[in-house]
C-alpha atoms as a PDB file:
ATOM      1  CA  MET A   1     -21.897  19.844  -2.596  1.00  0.00           C
ATOM      2  CA  SER A   2     -19.484  22.424  -3.856  1.00  0.00           C
ATOM      3  CA  LEU A   3     -15.892  21.800  -4.823  1.00  0.00           C
ATOM      4  CA  VAL A   4     -14.741  23.542  -1.636  1.00  0.00           C
ATOM      5  CA  GLY A   5     -16.876  21.166   0.445  1.00  0.00           C
ATOM      6  CA  ARG A   6     -15.309  18.173  -1.290  1.00  0.00           C
ATOM      7  CA  ARG A   7     -11.814  19.427  -0.565  1.00  0.00           C
ATOM      8  CA  SER A   8     -12.541  19.943   3.111  1.00  0.00           C
ATOM      9  CA  ASN A   9     -13.991  16.425   3.330  1.00  0.00           C
ATOM     10  CA  ARG A  10     -10.829  15.069   1.708  1.00  0.00           C
ATOM     11  CA  ARG A  11      -8.686  16.942   4.241  1.00  0.00           C
ATOM     12  CA  ASP A  12     -10.775  15.582   7.091  1.00  0.00           C
ATOM     13  CA  GLN A  13     -10.298  12.054   5.772  1.00  0.00           C
ATOM     14  CA  LEU A  14      -6.533  12.548   5.618  1.00  0.00           C
ATOM     15  CA  ARG A  15      -6.355  13.841   9.196  1.00  0.00           C
ATOM     16  CA  ILE A  16      -7.169  10.495  10.762  1.00  0.00           C
ATOM     17  CA  GLY A  17      -3.490   9.820  11.385  1.00  0.00           C
ATOM     18  CA  GLY A  18      -4.117   9.275  15.087  1.00  0.00           C
ATOM     19  CA  ASP A  19      -6.551   6.420  14.507  1.00  0.00           C
ATOM     20  CA  LYS A  20      -5.076   3.042  15.524  1.00  0.00           C
ATOM     21  CA  ASN A  21      -6.584   1.189  12.560  1.00  0.00           C
ATOM     22  CA  TYR A  22      -5.142   3.747  10.142  1.00  0.00           C
ATOM     23  CA  LYS A  23      -1.679   3.294  11.617  1.00  0.00           C
ATOM     24  CA  VAL A  24      -1.920  -0.504  11.344  1.00  0.00           C
ATOM     25  CA  VAL A  25      -2.909  -0.249   7.676  1.00  0.00           C
ATOM     26  CA  VAL A  26      -0.112   2.191   6.853  1.00  0.00           C
ATOM     27  CA  GLN A  27       2.476   0.074   8.682  1.00  0.00           C
ATOM     28  CA  GLY A  28       1.301  -3.018   6.821  1.00  0.00           C
ATOM     29  CA  LEU A  29       1.469  -1.319   3.445  1.00  0.00           C
ATOM     30  CA  VAL A  30       4.950   0.026   4.188  1.00  0.00           C
ATOM     31  CA  ALA A  31       6.086  -3.474   5.178  1.00  0.00           C
ATOM     32  CA  ILE A  32       4.702  -4.872   1.917  1.00  0.00           C
ATOM     33  CA  ALA A  33       6.469  -2.136  -0.068  1.00  0.00           C
ATOM     34  CA  VAL A  34       9.791  -2.867   1.637  1.00  0.00           C
ATOM     35  CA  TRP A  35       9.317  -6.603   1.029  1.00  0.00           C
ATOM     36  CA  CYS A  36       8.623  -6.098  -2.684  1.00  0.00           C
ATOM     37  CA  ILE A  37      11.592  -3.751  -3.119  1.00  0.00           C
ATOM     38  CA  TRP A  38      13.878  -6.164  -1.254  1.00  0.00           C
ATOM     39  CA  LYS A  39      12.643  -9.120  -3.306  1.00  0.00           C
ATOM     40  CA  ALA A  40      13.128  -7.246  -6.603  1.00  0.00           C
ATOM     41  CA  ARG A  41      16.607  -6.154  -5.564  1.00  0.00           C
ATOM     42  CA  ASN A  42      17.601  -9.712  -4.642  1.00  0.00           C
ATOM     43  CA  GLY A  43      16.216 -11.007  -7.913  1.00  0.00           C
ATOM     44  CA  LYS A  44      18.284  -8.524  -9.844  1.00  0.00           C
ATOM     45  CA  MET A  45      21.479  -8.996  -7.843  1.00  0.00           C
ATOM     46  CA  PHE A  46      21.556 -12.759  -7.370  1.00  0.00           C
ATOM     47  CA  ASP A  47      19.511 -14.185 -10.234  1.00  0.00           C
ATOM     48  CA  ASN A  48      20.892 -11.851 -12.913  1.00  0.00           C
ATOM     49  CA  GLY A  49      17.355 -10.688 -13.516  1.00  0.00           C
ATOM     50  CA  LYS A  50      16.333  -7.607 -15.389  1.00  0.00           C
ATOM     51  CA  ASP A  51      14.961  -4.512 -13.748  1.00  0.00           C
ATOM     52  CA  ASP A  52      11.200  -4.758 -14.285  1.00  0.00           C
ATOM     53  CA  SER A  53       9.668  -2.012 -12.182  1.00  0.00           C
ATOM     54  CA  GLU A  54       6.189  -2.553 -13.645  1.00  0.00           C
ATOM     55  CA  GLU A  55       6.167  -6.160 -12.465  1.00  0.00           C
ATOM     56  CA  SER A  56       7.400  -5.125  -9.007  1.00  0.00           C
ATOM     57  CA  PHE A  57       4.747  -2.430  -8.767  1.00  0.00           C
ATOM     58  CA  GLY A  58       2.062  -4.887  -9.856  1.00  0.00           C
ATOM     59  CA  GLU A  59       3.166  -7.333  -7.183  1.00  0.00           C
ATOM     60  CA  LEU A  60       3.115  -4.535  -4.614  1.00  0.00           C
ATOM     61  CA  ARG A  61      -0.435  -3.593  -5.587  1.00  0.00           C
ATOM     62  CA  SER A  62      -1.744  -7.139  -5.576  1.00  0.00           C
ATOM     63  CA  LEU A  63      -0.101  -8.061  -2.257  1.00  0.00           C
ATOM     64  CA  GLY A  64      -1.313  -4.811  -0.705  1.00  0.00           C
ATOM     65  CA  PHE A  65      -4.857  -5.425  -1.881  1.00  0.00           C
ATOM     66  CA  PHE A  66      -4.772  -9.060  -0.736  1.00  0.00           C
ATOM     67  CA  TRP A  67      -3.394  -8.144   2.692  1.00  0.00           C
ATOM     68  CA  LEU A  68      -5.858  -5.307   3.202  1.00  0.00           C
ATOM     69  CA  ASN A  69      -8.761  -7.461   2.049  1.00  0.00           C
ATOM     70  CA  CYS A  70      -7.812 -10.240   4.454  1.00  0.00           C
ATOM     71  CA  ARG A  71      -7.427  -7.806   7.353  1.00  0.00           C
ATOM     72  CA  SER A  72     -10.732  -6.054   6.720  1.00  0.00           C
ATOM     73  CA  LYS A  73     -13.492  -6.532   9.265  1.00  0.00           C
ATOM     74  CA  HIS A  74     -16.114  -6.105   6.546  1.00  0.00           C
ATOM     75  CA  ARG A  75     -15.271  -8.968   4.220  1.00  0.00           C
ATOM     76  CA  ASN A  76     -18.084 -10.439   2.153  1.00  0.00           C
END
């Protein structure tokens, strides 16, 4: 497959915005992102914590993966 064919396949994969399952996944990931940002902000404001964006991003990734894995219909 040529490079042009790969790009068109990638575009086709990104155009599934109307799919209900895609919307549920995106909404869930956005909710997780907002939760992690809110939690990090509260930790910094009320617990006199330091701003550790790497830790917040790691928590976002792990929670997102855990949530998506639990919601998947094809779990092993």
